[in-house]
Amino acid sequence: MADIAKKLKISKTTVSFILNGKAKEKRISDELIDKVFKHVKKDRL
């Protein structure tokens, strides 16, 4: 999570909320959610 946060210039906490399915209740934008998941998918390939 720290690597993703650093690469995308967001907090580790935000990445954690997104990856743990709590993004909506924390009002994280769909755009940022998509950005994180695209980064995760890209790194897994």
PDB file of N, CA and C in Angstrom:
ATOM      1  N   MET A   1       0.812  -1.186   0.000  1.00  0.00           N
ATOM      2  CA  MET A   1       0.000   0.000   0.000  1.00  0.00           C
ATOM      3  C   MET A   1       0.861   1.257   0.000  1.00  0.00           C
ATOM      4  N   ALA A   2       1.966   1.206   0.694  1.00  0.00           N
ATOM      5  CA  ALA A   2       2.838   2.381   0.753  1.00  0.00           C
ATOM      6  C   ALA A   2       3.382   2.731  -0.630  1.00  0.00           C
ATOM      7  N   ASP A   3       3.729   1.712  -1.411  1.00  0.00           N
ATOM      8  CA  ASP A   3       4.240   1.961  -2.762  1.00  0.00           C
ATOM      9  C   ASP A   3       3.179   2.598  -3.654  1.00  0.00           C
ATOM     10  N   ILE A   4       1.965   2.106  -3.546  1.00  0.00           N
ATOM     11  CA  ILE A   4       0.859   2.661  -4.341  1.00  0.00           C
ATOM     12  C   ILE A   4       0.622   4.114  -3.936  1.00  0.00           C
ATOM     13  N   ALA A   5       0.568   4.361  -2.640  1.00  0.00           N
ATOM     14  CA  ALA A   5       0.330   5.712  -2.134  1.00  0.00           C
ATOM     15  C   ALA A   5       1.412   6.676  -2.623  1.00  0.00           C
ATOM     16  N   LYS A   6       2.653   6.246  -2.535  1.00  0.00           N
ATOM     17  CA  LYS A   6       3.760   7.101  -2.956  1.00  0.00           C
ATOM     18  C   LYS A   6       3.688   7.380  -4.449  1.00  0.00           C
ATOM     19  N   LYS A   7       3.445   6.351  -5.234  1.00  0.00           N
ATOM     20  CA  LYS A   7       3.383   6.492  -6.691  1.00  0.00           C
ATOM     21  C   LYS A   7       2.250   7.432  -7.124  1.00  0.00           C
ATOM     22  N   LEU A   8       1.102   7.317  -6.472  1.00  0.00           N
ATOM     23  CA  LEU A   8      -0.072   8.109  -6.852  1.00  0.00           C
ATOM     24  C   LEU A   8      -0.191   9.418  -6.066  1.00  0.00           C
ATOM     25  N   LYS A   9       0.751   9.631  -5.132  1.00  0.00           N
ATOM     26  CA  LYS A   9       0.780  10.844  -4.313  1.00  0.00           C
ATOM     27  C   LYS A   9      -0.511  11.031  -3.508  1.00  0.00           C
ATOM     28  N   ILE A  10      -0.917   9.944  -2.862  1.00  0.00           N
ATOM     29  CA  ILE A  10      -2.057   9.973  -1.956  1.00  0.00           C
ATOM     30  C   ILE A  10      -1.636   9.284  -0.660  1.00  0.00           C
ATOM     31  N   SER A  11      -2.459   9.372   0.352  1.00  0.00           N
ATOM     32  CA  SER A  11      -2.083   8.783   1.646  1.00  0.00           C
ATOM     33  C   SER A  11      -2.271   7.260   1.649  1.00  0.00           C
ATOM     34  N   LYS A  12      -1.514   6.613   2.512  1.00  0.00           N
ATOM     35  CA  LYS A  12      -1.656   5.165   2.688  1.00  0.00           C
ATOM     36  C   LYS A  12      -3.042   4.836   3.213  1.00  0.00           C
ATOM     37  N   THR A  13      -3.576   5.711   4.028  1.00  0.00           N
ATOM     38  CA  THR A  13      -4.908   5.504   4.581  1.00  0.00           C
ATOM     39  C   THR A  13      -5.955   5.479   3.469  1.00  0.00           C
ATOM     40  N   THR A  14      -5.834   6.380   2.516  1.00  0.00           N
ATOM     41  CA  THR A  14      -6.767   6.417   1.389  1.00  0.00           C
ATOM     42  C   THR A  14      -6.678   5.138   0.586  1.00  0.00           C
ATOM     43  N   VAL A  15      -5.482   4.674   0.314  1.00  0.00           N
ATOM     44  CA  VAL A  15      -5.296   3.418  -0.419  1.00  0.00           C
ATOM     45  C   VAL A  15      -5.941   2.270   0.361  1.00  0.00           C
ATOM     46  N   SER A  16      -5.736   2.247   1.658  1.00  0.00           N
ATOM     47  CA  SER A  16      -6.312   1.205   2.494  1.00  0.00           C
ATOM     48  C   SER A  16      -7.837   1.202   2.423  1.00  0.00           C
ATOM     49  N   PHE A  17      -8.440   2.381   2.547  1.00  0.00           N
ATOM     50  CA  PHE A  17      -9.897   2.478   2.448  1.00  0.00           C
ATOM     51  C   PHE A  17     -10.395   1.935   1.118  1.00  0.00           C
ATOM     52  N   ILE A  18      -9.719   2.282   0.044  1.00  0.00           N
ATOM     53  CA  ILE A  18     -10.131   1.840  -1.291  1.00  0.00           C
ATOM     54  C   ILE A  18     -10.016   0.326  -1.411  1.00  0.00           C
ATOM     55  N   LEU A  19      -8.885  -0.224  -1.026  1.00  0.00           N
ATOM     56  CA  LEU A  19      -8.658  -1.659  -1.185  1.00  0.00           C
ATOM     57  C   LEU A  19      -9.507  -2.501  -0.235  1.00  0.00           C
ATOM     58  N   ASN A  20      -9.950  -1.902   0.860  1.00  0.00           N
ATOM     59  CA  ASN A  20     -10.788  -2.627   1.826  1.00  0.00           C
ATOM     60  C   ASN A  20     -12.280  -2.372   1.637  1.00  0.00           C
ATOM     61  N   GLY A  21     -12.632  -1.713   0.539  1.00  0.00           N
ATOM     62  CA  GLY A  21     -14.036  -1.514   0.210  1.00  0.00           C
ATOM     63  C   GLY A  21     -14.761  -0.452   1.031  1.00  0.00           C
ATOM     64  N   LYS A  22     -14.012   0.454   1.618  1.00  0.00           N
ATOM     65  CA  LYS A  22     -14.636   1.493   2.442  1.00  0.00           C
ATOM     66  C   LYS A  22     -14.575   2.870   1.791  1.00  0.00           C
ATOM     67  N   ALA A  23     -14.270   2.910   0.514  1.00  0.00           N
ATOM     68  CA  ALA A  23     -14.096   4.183  -0.193  1.00  0.00           C
ATOM     69  C   ALA A  23     -15.381   4.998  -0.235  1.00  0.00           C
ATOM     70  N   LYS A  24     -16.499   4.351  -0.485  1.00  0.00           N
ATOM     71  CA  LYS A  24     -17.766   5.075  -0.597  1.00  0.00           C
ATOM     72  C   LYS A  24     -18.167   5.725   0.715  1.00  0.00           C
ATOM     73  N   GLU A  25     -18.020   4.998   1.817  1.00  0.00           N
ATOM     74  CA  GLU A  25     -18.408   5.581   3.107  1.00  0.00           C
ATOM     75  C   GLU A  25     -17.462   6.701   3.521  1.00  0.00           C
ATOM     76  N   LYS A  26     -16.258   6.717   2.969  1.00  0.00           N
ATOM     77  CA  LYS A  26     -15.294   7.781   3.258  1.00  0.00           C
ATOM     78  C   LYS A  26     -15.333   8.875   2.191  1.00  0.00           C
ATOM     79  N   ARG A  27     -16.268   8.749   1.267  1.00  0.00           N
ATOM     80  CA  ARG A  27     -16.499   9.747   0.211  1.00  0.00           C
ATOM     81  C   ARG A  27     -15.280   9.976  -0.677  1.00  0.00           C
ATOM     82  N   ILE A  28     -14.624   8.898  -1.032  1.00  0.00           N
ATOM     83  CA  ILE A  28     -13.490   8.963  -1.956  1.00  0.00           C
ATOM     84  C   ILE A  28     -14.064   8.905  -3.369  1.00  0.00           C
ATOM     85  N   SER A  29     -13.559   9.757  -4.243  1.00  0.00           N
ATOM     86  CA  SER A  29     -14.128   9.883  -5.585  1.00  0.00           C
ATOM     87  C   SER A  29     -13.948   8.610  -6.410  1.00  0.00           C
ATOM     88  N   ASP A  30     -14.904   8.400  -7.311  1.00  0.00           N
ATOM     89  CA  ASP A  30     -14.822   7.252  -8.224  1.00  0.00           C
ATOM     90  C   ASP A  30     -13.561   7.328  -9.075  1.00  0.00           C
ATOM     91  N   GLU A  31     -13.178   8.529  -9.431  1.00  0.00           N
ATOM     92  CA  GLU A  31     -11.976   8.736 -10.239  1.00  0.00           C
ATOM     93  C   GLU A  31     -10.732   8.217  -9.518  1.00  0.00           C
ATOM     94  N   LEU A  32     -10.613   8.541  -8.245  1.00  0.00           N
ATOM     95  CA  LEU A  32      -9.454   8.093  -7.464  1.00  0.00           C
ATOM     96  C   LEU A  32      -9.503   6.580  -7.236  1.00  0.00           C
ATOM     97  N   ILE A  33     -10.686   6.047  -7.009  1.00  0.00           N
ATOM     98  CA  ILE A  33     -10.843   4.599  -6.845  1.00  0.00           C
ATOM     99  C   ILE A  33     -10.367   3.884  -8.106  1.00  0.00           C
ATOM    100  N   ASP A  34     -10.818   4.358  -9.264  1.00  0.00           N
ATOM    101  CA  ASP A  34     -10.404   3.765 -10.534  1.00  0.00           C
ATOM    102  C   ASP A  34      -8.896   3.861 -10.735  1.00  0.00           C
ATOM    103  N   LYS A  35      -8.329   4.998 -10.371  1.00  0.00           N
ATOM    104  CA  LYS A  35      -6.888   5.208 -10.522  1.00  0.00           C
ATOM    105  C   LYS A  35      -6.096   4.181  -9.703  1.00  0.00           C
ATOM    106  N   VAL A  36      -6.528   3.955  -8.466  1.00  0.00           N
ATOM    107  CA  VAL A  36      -5.838   2.993  -7.598  1.00  0.00           C
ATOM    108  C   VAL A  36      -5.965   1.578  -8.158  1.00  0.00           C
ATOM    109  N   PHE A  37      -7.177   1.179  -8.552  1.00  0.00           N
ATOM    110  CA  PHE A  37      -7.358  -0.173  -9.069  1.00  0.00           C
ATOM    111  C   PHE A  37      -6.615  -0.398 -10.386  1.00  0.00           C
ATOM    112  N   LYS A  38      -6.555   0.609 -11.240  1.00  0.00           N
ATOM    113  CA  LYS A  38      -5.776   0.486 -12.485  1.00  0.00           C
ATOM    114  C   LYS A  38      -4.302   0.292 -12.178  1.00  0.00           C
ATOM    115  N   HIS A  39      -3.816   1.016 -11.183  1.00  0.00           N
ATOM    116  CA  HIS A  39      -2.407   0.888 -10.792  1.00  0.00           C
ATOM    117  C   HIS A  39      -2.136  -0.518 -10.237  1.00  0.00           C
ATOM    118  N   VAL A  40      -3.048  -1.003  -9.417  1.00  0.00           N
ATOM    119  CA  VAL A  40      -2.889  -2.347  -8.833  1.00  0.00           C
ATOM    120  C   VAL A  40      -2.885  -3.406  -9.949  1.00  0.00           C
ATOM    121  N   LYS A  41      -3.820  -3.303 -10.874  1.00  0.00           N
ATOM    122  CA  LYS A  41      -3.887  -4.267 -11.981  1.00  0.00           C
ATOM    123  C   LYS A  41      -2.637  -4.207 -12.832  1.00  0.00           C
ATOM    124  N   LYS A  42      -2.149  -3.014 -13.125  1.00  0.00           N
ATOM    125  CA  LYS A  42      -0.963  -2.856 -13.958  1.00  0.00           C
ATOM    126  C   LYS A  42       0.254  -3.512 -13.305  1.00  0.00           C
ATOM    127  N   ASP A  43       0.392  -3.333 -11.998  1.00  0.00           N
ATOM    128  CA  ASP A  43       1.530  -3.900 -11.279  1.00  0.00           C
ATOM    129  C   ASP A  43       1.470  -5.415 -11.179  1.00  0.00           C
ATOM    130  N   ARG A  44       0.276  -5.987 -11.277  1.00  0.00           N
ATOM    131  CA  ARG A  44       0.134  -7.441 -11.153  1.00  0.00           C
ATOM    132  C   ARG A  44       0.436  -8.158 -12.451  1.00  0.00           C
ATOM    133  N   LEU A  45       0.435  -7.430 -13.558  1.00  0.00           N
ATOM    134  CA  LEU A  45       0.682  -8.069 -14.868  1.00  0.00           C
ATOM    135  C   LEU A  45       2.144  -8.311 -15.121  1.00  0.00           C
TER     136      LEU A  45
END
